[in-house]
Amino acid sequence: MCFKYVNSAPIIKSFVRHYAATKPTSPLAFAFDIDGVLIRGQHALPAAKRALAILDGNNGFGVKIPYILLTNGGGLSETTRCRKLSDQLGVQINLKQYIQAHTVLRSIAHQYADKPVLVLGGKGETVRKVAESYGFRQVYNTLDLLAWNPSYMIGDNPESDIAGANAAGWKSILVHTGVYNPRQGPPKYKPTYETEDVEKAVLWALGQELRL
């Protein structure tokens, strides 16, 4: 999703208060990154399964240790991700234990509920549905922008700028003033148009739409 910076500290504090009120006193707590720590690719690391089982009470201390999972990923609902992580890790991950990149937006949805917001990323209508589940009522994505006006992305990196624009259905223009060097061979992701610099890119796009 595309939004202004939101402080995630209140979300994490809410988790701490929840566990302080419902769990036995623990001398410590953990926050885990997910990819590369608990999950590699589509599979849980064996050590991660054992570690979480220990924290869930399978230890010699007879106590459950609180933990949360943090990720800068997103694009799916928290419910969907928690269900998948529970299956992968072999332990129950509930919503209070999972914070992803856009989870914090739920806390400010009431301020922007009736204002237009633009969401980016995900597949199809998935991210729009996530935003609507938070309480946003006027949610738009890149396909909406494309329907309103022809959209062009001018970038220098085929693997991010051009790939992203192509996936969104935008016209893409690759320039030679940055990451991509035409002497390295054809780009991995084919742009709509390729040119030397941003000025020529803009003039080409204007010529396409305004027939200059």
C-alpha atoms as a PDB file:
ATOM      1  CA  MET A   1       0.000   0.000   0.000  1.00  0.00           C
ATOM      2  CA  CYS A   2       1.065   3.560  -0.565  1.00  0.00           C
ATOM      3  CA  PHE A   3       0.655   5.821   2.466  1.00  0.00           C
ATOM      4  CA  LYS A   4       2.445   8.262   4.731  1.00  0.00           C
ATOM      5  CA  TYR A   5       4.774   7.060   7.494  1.00  0.00           C
ATOM      6  CA  VAL A   6       2.905   5.593  10.421  1.00  0.00           C
ATOM      7  CA  ASN A   7       4.492   4.892  13.792  1.00  0.00           C
ATOM      8  CA  SER A   8       4.227   1.162  14.538  1.00  0.00           C
ATOM      9  CA  ALA A   9       5.145   1.518  18.231  1.00  0.00           C
ATOM     10  CA  PRO A  10       1.489   1.626  19.452  1.00  0.00           C
ATOM     11  CA  ILE A  11       0.790  -1.677  17.669  1.00  0.00           C
ATOM     12  CA  ILE A  12       3.729  -3.379  19.345  1.00  0.00           C
ATOM     13  CA  LYS A  13       2.816  -1.869  22.732  1.00  0.00           C
ATOM     14  CA  SER A  14      -0.713  -3.220  22.301  1.00  0.00           C
ATOM     15  CA  PHE A  15       0.746  -6.687  21.812  1.00  0.00           C
ATOM     16  CA  VAL A  16       2.822  -6.334  24.960  1.00  0.00           C
ATOM     17  CA  ARG A  17      -0.203  -5.209  27.016  1.00  0.00           C
ATOM     18  CA  HIS A  18      -2.276  -8.099  25.624  1.00  0.00           C
ATOM     19  CA  TYR A  19       0.269 -10.696  26.659  1.00  0.00           C
ATOM     20  CA  ALA A  20       0.963  -9.079  29.997  1.00  0.00           C
ATOM     21  CA  ALA A  21      -2.738  -9.385  30.843  1.00  0.00           C
ATOM     22  CA  THR A  22      -3.284 -12.920  29.561  1.00  0.00           C
ATOM     23  CA  LYS A  23      -0.008 -14.818  29.952  1.00  0.00           C
ATOM     24  CA  PRO A  24       2.105 -15.841  32.953  1.00  0.00           C
ATOM     25  CA  THR A  25       4.944 -13.452  33.713  1.00  0.00           C
ATOM     26  CA  SER A  26       7.903 -14.097  31.443  1.00  0.00           C
ATOM     27  CA  PRO A  27      11.435 -12.812  31.983  1.00  0.00           C
ATOM     28  CA  LEU A  28      11.780 -11.945  28.287  1.00  0.00           C
ATOM     29  CA  ALA A  29      10.035 -11.769  24.922  1.00  0.00           C
ATOM     30  CA  PHE A  30      11.099 -12.198  21.299  1.00  0.00           C
ATOM     31  CA  ALA A  31      10.474 -10.444  17.998  1.00  0.00           C
ATOM     32  CA  PHE A  32      11.340 -12.492  14.907  1.00  0.00           C
ATOM     33  CA  ASP A  33      11.965 -11.485  11.349  1.00  0.00           C
ATOM     34  CA  ILE A  34      10.365 -14.114   9.117  1.00  0.00           C
ATOM     35  CA  ASP A  35      12.184 -14.582   5.803  1.00  0.00           C
ATOM     36  CA  GLY A  36      15.631 -16.031   6.330  1.00  0.00           C
ATOM     37  CA  VAL A  37      15.049 -16.555  10.053  1.00  0.00           C
ATOM     38  CA  LEU A  38      11.946 -18.736  10.298  1.00  0.00           C
ATOM     39  CA  ILE A  39      11.120 -19.369   6.638  1.00  0.00           C
ATOM     40  CA  ARG A  40      13.333 -19.981   3.636  1.00  0.00           C
ATOM     41  CA  GLY A  41      11.473 -19.896   0.341  1.00  0.00           C
ATOM     42  CA  GLN A  42       8.179 -21.698   0.950  1.00  0.00           C
ATOM     43  CA  HIS A  43       9.402 -23.901   3.775  1.00  0.00           C
ATOM     44  CA  ALA A  44      10.010 -23.453   7.496  1.00  0.00           C
ATOM     45  CA  LEU A  45      13.541 -23.960   8.732  1.00  0.00           C
ATOM     46  CA  PRO A  46      13.706 -27.027  11.032  1.00  0.00           C
ATOM     47  CA  ALA A  47      15.442 -24.998  13.740  1.00  0.00           C
ATOM     48  CA  ALA A  48      12.629 -22.436  13.589  1.00  0.00           C
ATOM     49  CA  LYS A  49      10.014 -25.090  14.314  1.00  0.00           C
ATOM     50  CA  ARG A  50      12.007 -26.321  17.302  1.00  0.00           C
ATOM     51  CA  ALA A  51      12.621 -22.790  18.616  1.00  0.00           C
ATOM     52  CA  LEU A  52       8.937 -21.814  18.479  1.00  0.00           C
ATOM     53  CA  ALA A  53       7.915 -25.087  20.102  1.00  0.00           C
ATOM     54  CA  ILE A  54      10.273 -24.240  22.964  1.00  0.00           C
ATOM     55  CA  LEU A  55       8.715 -20.786  23.330  1.00  0.00           C
ATOM     56  CA  ASP A  56       5.224 -22.297  23.234  1.00  0.00           C
ATOM     57  CA  GLY A  57       5.971 -24.225  26.423  1.00  0.00           C
ATOM     58  CA  ASN A  58       7.931 -27.275  25.320  1.00  0.00           C
ATOM     59  CA  ASN A  59      10.780 -26.414  27.661  1.00  0.00           C
ATOM     60  CA  GLY A  60      12.118 -27.278  31.073  1.00  0.00           C
ATOM     61  CA  PHE A  61      10.850 -24.082  32.676  1.00  0.00           C
ATOM     62  CA  GLY A  62       7.146 -24.779  32.327  1.00  0.00           C
ATOM     63  CA  VAL A  63       6.402 -21.351  30.907  1.00  0.00           C
ATOM     64  CA  LYS A  64       5.308 -19.956  27.564  1.00  0.00           C
ATOM     65  CA  ILE A  65       7.505 -17.145  26.282  1.00  0.00           C
ATOM     66  CA  PRO A  66       5.707 -14.406  24.279  1.00  0.00           C
ATOM     67  CA  TYR A  67       6.882 -13.596  20.771  1.00  0.00           C
ATOM     68  CA  ILE A  68       5.772 -11.708  17.686  1.00  0.00           C
ATOM     69  CA  LEU A  69       6.602 -12.012  14.002  1.00  0.00           C
ATOM     70  CA  LEU A  70       7.571  -8.867  12.088  1.00  0.00           C
ATOM     71  CA  THR A  71       7.994  -8.468   8.339  1.00  0.00           C
ATOM     72  CA  ASN A  72       8.265  -5.653   5.817  1.00  0.00           C
ATOM     73  CA  GLY A  73       6.317  -7.829   3.392  1.00  0.00           C
ATOM     74  CA  GLY A  74       2.607  -7.553   2.764  1.00  0.00           C
ATOM     75  CA  GLY A  75       0.042  -7.787   0.022  1.00  0.00           C
ATOM     76  CA  LEU A  76      -2.176 -10.322   1.803  1.00  0.00           C
ATOM     77  CA  SER A  77      -4.483 -10.074   4.787  1.00  0.00           C
ATOM     78  CA  GLU A  78      -3.082 -10.816   8.231  1.00  0.00           C
ATOM     79  CA  THR A  79      -5.586 -13.660   8.591  1.00  0.00           C
ATOM     80  CA  THR A  80      -4.330 -15.340   5.416  1.00  0.00           C
ATOM     81  CA  ARG A  81      -0.691 -14.959   6.404  1.00  0.00           C
ATOM     82  CA  CYS A  82      -1.230 -16.223   9.945  1.00  0.00           C
ATOM     83  CA  ARG A  83      -3.031 -19.286   8.629  1.00  0.00           C
ATOM     84  CA  LYS A  84      -0.192 -20.089   6.225  1.00  0.00           C
ATOM     85  CA  LEU A  85       2.531 -19.453   8.823  1.00  0.00           C
ATOM     86  CA  SER A  86       0.746 -21.687  11.317  1.00  0.00           C
ATOM     87  CA  ASP A  87       0.752 -24.508   8.769  1.00  0.00           C
ATOM     88  CA  GLN A  88       4.390 -23.935   7.855  1.00  0.00           C
ATOM     89  CA  LEU A  89       5.741 -23.587  11.387  1.00  0.00           C
ATOM     90  CA  GLY A  90       3.579 -26.178  13.113  1.00  0.00           C
ATOM     91  CA  VAL A  91       2.453 -23.753  15.836  1.00  0.00           C
ATOM     92  CA  GLN A  92      -0.587 -21.500  16.076  1.00  0.00           C
ATOM     93  CA  ILE A  93       0.222 -17.929  15.020  1.00  0.00           C
ATOM     94  CA  ASN A  94      -2.629 -15.590  15.919  1.00  0.00           C
ATOM     95  CA  LEU A  95      -3.344 -12.084  14.690  1.00  0.00           C
ATOM     96  CA  LYS A  96      -1.929 -10.485  17.825  1.00  0.00           C
ATOM     97  CA  GLN A  97       1.442 -12.047  17.033  1.00  0.00           C
ATOM     98  CA  TYR A  98       1.818 -10.883  13.435  1.00  0.00           C
ATOM     99  CA  ILE A  99       2.715  -7.415  12.134  1.00  0.00           C
ATOM    100  CA  GLN A 100       3.378  -6.796   8.439  1.00  0.00           C
ATOM    101  CA  ALA A 101       4.217  -3.651   6.490  1.00  0.00           C
ATOM    102  CA  HIS A 102       0.676  -2.295   6.262  1.00  0.00           C
ATOM    103  CA  THR A 103      -0.785  -3.611   9.532  1.00  0.00           C
ATOM    104  CA  VAL A 104      -0.253  -0.215  11.159  1.00  0.00           C
ATOM    105  CA  LEU A 105      -2.621   1.408   8.661  1.00  0.00           C
ATOM    106  CA  ARG A 106      -5.541  -0.266  10.401  1.00  0.00           C
ATOM    107  CA  SER A 107      -4.998   2.086  13.355  1.00  0.00           C
ATOM    108  CA  ILE A 108      -5.521   5.226  11.223  1.00  0.00           C
ATOM    109  CA  ALA A 109      -8.195   3.944   8.834  1.00  0.00           C
ATOM    110  CA  HIS A 110     -10.889   5.907  10.668  1.00  0.00           C
ATOM    111  CA  GLN A 111      -9.102   9.165   9.782  1.00  0.00           C
ATOM    112  CA  TYR A 112      -9.145   8.410   6.056  1.00  0.00           C
ATOM    113  CA  ALA A 113     -12.174   6.147   5.751  1.00  0.00           C
ATOM    114  CA  ASP A 114     -13.977   8.415   3.265  1.00  0.00           C
ATOM    115  CA  LYS A 115     -10.929   9.835   1.498  1.00  0.00           C
ATOM    116  CA  PRO A 116      -9.425   8.375  -1.699  1.00  0.00           C
ATOM    117  CA  VAL A 117      -6.359   6.211  -1.075  1.00  0.00           C
ATOM    118  CA  LEU A 118      -4.037   4.542  -3.572  1.00  0.00           C
ATOM    119  CA  VAL A 119      -2.752   1.018  -2.878  1.00  0.00           C
ATOM    120  CA  LEU A 120       0.221  -0.518  -4.661  1.00  0.00           C
ATOM    121  CA  GLY A 121       1.486  -4.076  -4.842  1.00  0.00           C
ATOM    122  CA  GLY A 122      -0.055  -7.499  -4.480  1.00  0.00           C
ATOM    123  CA  LYS A 123      -1.913  -9.393  -7.153  1.00  0.00           C
ATOM    124  CA  GLY A 124      -5.193  -8.361  -8.722  1.00  0.00           C
ATOM    125  CA  GLU A 125      -7.706  -7.036  -6.224  1.00  0.00           C
ATOM    126  CA  THR A 126      -6.023  -8.555  -3.145  1.00  0.00           C
ATOM    127  CA  VAL A 127      -4.510  -5.369  -1.702  1.00  0.00           C
ATOM    128  CA  ARG A 128      -7.670  -3.377  -2.374  1.00  0.00           C
ATOM    129  CA  LYS A 129      -9.607  -5.945  -0.335  1.00  0.00           C
ATOM    130  CA  VAL A 130      -7.051  -5.728   2.477  1.00  0.00           C
ATOM    131  CA  ALA A 131      -7.436  -1.935   2.612  1.00  0.00           C
ATOM    132  CA  GLU A 132     -11.212  -2.232   2.604  1.00  0.00           C
ATOM    133  CA  SER A 133     -11.041  -4.725   5.462  1.00  0.00           C
ATOM    134  CA  TYR A 134      -9.150  -2.074   7.462  1.00  0.00           C
ATOM    135  CA  GLY A 135     -12.016   0.374   6.963  1.00  0.00           C
ATOM    136  CA  PHE A 136     -10.934   2.406   3.919  1.00  0.00           C
ATOM    137  CA  ARG A 137     -13.944   2.927   1.655  1.00  0.00           C
ATOM    138  CA  GLN A 138     -12.463   4.705  -1.390  1.00  0.00           C
ATOM    139  CA  VAL A 139      -9.605   2.435  -2.448  1.00  0.00           C
ATOM    140  CA  TYR A 140      -7.939   2.636  -5.863  1.00  0.00           C
ATOM    141  CA  ASN A 141      -5.097   0.724  -7.495  1.00  0.00           C
ATOM    142  CA  THR A 142      -2.906   1.077 -10.569  1.00  0.00           C
ATOM    143  CA  LEU A 143      -5.522  -0.464 -12.837  1.00  0.00           C
ATOM    144  CA  ASP A 144      -7.908   2.318 -11.848  1.00  0.00           C
ATOM    145  CA  LEU A 145      -5.283   4.917 -12.774  1.00  0.00           C
ATOM    146  CA  LEU A 146      -4.769   3.229 -16.107  1.00  0.00           C
ATOM    147  CA  ALA A 147      -8.495   3.347 -16.797  1.00  0.00           C
ATOM    148  CA  TRP A 148      -8.572   7.088 -16.090  1.00  0.00           C
ATOM    149  CA  ASN A 149      -5.463   8.106 -18.056  1.00  0.00           C
ATOM    150  CA  PRO A 150      -2.690   6.393 -20.009  1.00  0.00           C
ATOM    151  CA  SER A 151       0.183   5.903 -17.564  1.00  0.00           C
ATOM    152  CA  TYR A 152       3.887   5.836 -18.342  1.00  0.00           C
ATOM    153  CA  MET A 153       6.742   4.690 -16.138  1.00  0.00           C
ATOM    154  CA  ILE A 154      10.191   6.022 -16.990  1.00  0.00           C
ATOM    155  CA  GLY A 155      12.970   4.101 -15.288  1.00  0.00           C
ATOM    156  CA  ASP A 156      16.558   2.928 -15.569  1.00  0.00           C
ATOM    157  CA  ASN A 157      16.273  -0.552 -14.013  1.00  0.00           C
ATOM    158  CA  PRO A 158      14.600  -3.292 -16.077  1.00  0.00           C
ATOM    159  CA  GLU A 159      14.200  -5.642 -13.120  1.00  0.00           C
ATOM    160  CA  SER A 160      12.327  -3.163 -10.906  1.00  0.00           C
ATOM    161  CA  ASP A 161      11.070  -0.119 -12.812  1.00  0.00           C
ATOM    162  CA  ILE A 162      10.188  -1.850 -16.080  1.00  0.00           C
ATOM    163  CA  ALA A 163       9.013  -5.118 -14.532  1.00  0.00           C
ATOM    164  CA  GLY A 164       6.750  -3.231 -12.129  1.00  0.00           C
ATOM    165  CA  ALA A 165       5.268  -1.017 -14.821  1.00  0.00           C
ATOM    166  CA  ASN A 166       4.609  -3.963 -17.116  1.00  0.00           C
ATOM    167  CA  ALA A 167       2.929  -5.881 -14.309  1.00  0.00           C
ATOM    168  CA  ALA A 168       0.688  -2.887 -13.576  1.00  0.00           C
ATOM    169  CA  GLY A 169      -0.343  -2.553 -17.208  1.00  0.00           C
ATOM    170  CA  TRP A 170       1.475   0.770 -17.647  1.00  0.00           C
ATOM    171  CA  LYS A 171       3.587   1.694 -20.652  1.00  0.00           C
ATOM    172  CA  SER A 172       7.247   1.481 -19.718  1.00  0.00           C
ATOM    173  CA  ILE A 173      10.198   3.500 -21.003  1.00  0.00           C
ATOM    174  CA  LEU A 174      13.758   2.400 -20.268  1.00  0.00           C
ATOM    175  CA  VAL A 175      16.489   5.067 -20.265  1.00  0.00           C
ATOM    176  CA  HIS A 176      20.255   4.522 -20.558  1.00  0.00           C
ATOM    177  CA  THR A 177      21.437   6.998 -17.930  1.00  0.00           C
ATOM    178  CA  GLY A 178      21.410   4.725 -14.866  1.00  0.00           C
ATOM    179  CA  VAL A 179      21.492   1.032 -14.008  1.00  0.00           C
ATOM    180  CA  TYR A 180      20.835  -0.342 -17.472  1.00  0.00           C
ATOM    181  CA  ASN A 181      23.605  -0.218 -20.058  1.00  0.00           C
ATOM    182  CA  PRO A 182      22.606  -1.331 -23.577  1.00  0.00           C
ATOM    183  CA  ARG A 183      26.115  -2.714 -24.113  1.00  0.00           C
ATOM    184  CA  GLN A 184      25.258  -5.436 -21.588  1.00  0.00           C
ATOM    185  CA  GLY A 185      22.695  -6.924 -23.954  1.00  0.00           C
ATOM    186  CA  PRO A 186      18.889  -6.767 -24.120  1.00  0.00           C
ATOM    187  CA  PRO A 187      17.030  -6.013 -20.869  1.00  0.00           C
ATOM    188  CA  LYS A 188      15.558  -8.912 -18.908  1.00  0.00           C
ATOM    189  CA  TYR A 189      12.133  -7.214 -18.981  1.00  0.00           C
ATOM    190  CA  LYS A 190      11.210  -5.641 -22.297  1.00  0.00           C
ATOM    191  CA  PRO A 191      10.014  -2.023 -22.099  1.00  0.00           C
ATOM    192  CA  THR A 192       7.402  -0.462 -24.330  1.00  0.00           C
ATOM    193  CA  TYR A 193      10.105   1.914 -25.547  1.00  0.00           C
ATOM    194  CA  GLU A 194      13.824   2.401 -24.969  1.00  0.00           C
ATOM    195  CA  THR A 195      15.737   5.651 -25.324  1.00  0.00           C
ATOM    196  CA  GLU A 196      18.816   7.565 -24.213  1.00  0.00           C
ATOM    197  CA  ASP A 197      17.479   9.871 -21.488  1.00  0.00           C
ATOM    198  CA  VAL A 198      14.424  11.183 -19.677  1.00  0.00           C
ATOM    199  CA  GLU A 199      13.874  14.150 -22.002  1.00  0.00           C
ATOM    200  CA  LYS A 200      13.590  11.896 -25.034  1.00  0.00           C
ATOM    201  CA  ALA A 201      11.359   9.554 -23.033  1.00  0.00           C
ATOM    202  CA  VAL A 202       8.943  12.350 -22.171  1.00  0.00           C
ATOM    203  CA  LEU A 203       8.857  13.643 -25.735  1.00  0.00           C
ATOM    204  CA  TRP A 204       8.155  10.148 -27.063  1.00  0.00           C
ATOM    205  CA  ALA A 205       5.280   9.629 -24.607  1.00  0.00           C
ATOM    206  CA  LEU A 206       3.777  13.013 -25.451  1.00  0.00           C
ATOM    207  CA  GLY A 207       4.046  12.191 -29.112  1.00  0.00           C
ATOM    208  CA  GLN A 208       2.189   8.934 -28.561  1.00  0.00           C
ATOM    209  CA  GLU A 209      -0.706  10.519 -26.701  1.00  0.00           C
ATOM    210  CA  LEU A 210      -0.865  14.038 -28.169  1.00  0.00           C
ATOM    211  CA  ARG A 211       0.435  13.206 -31.646  1.00  0.00           C
ATOM    212  CA  LEU A 212       3.043  15.951 -31.466  1.00  0.00           C
END
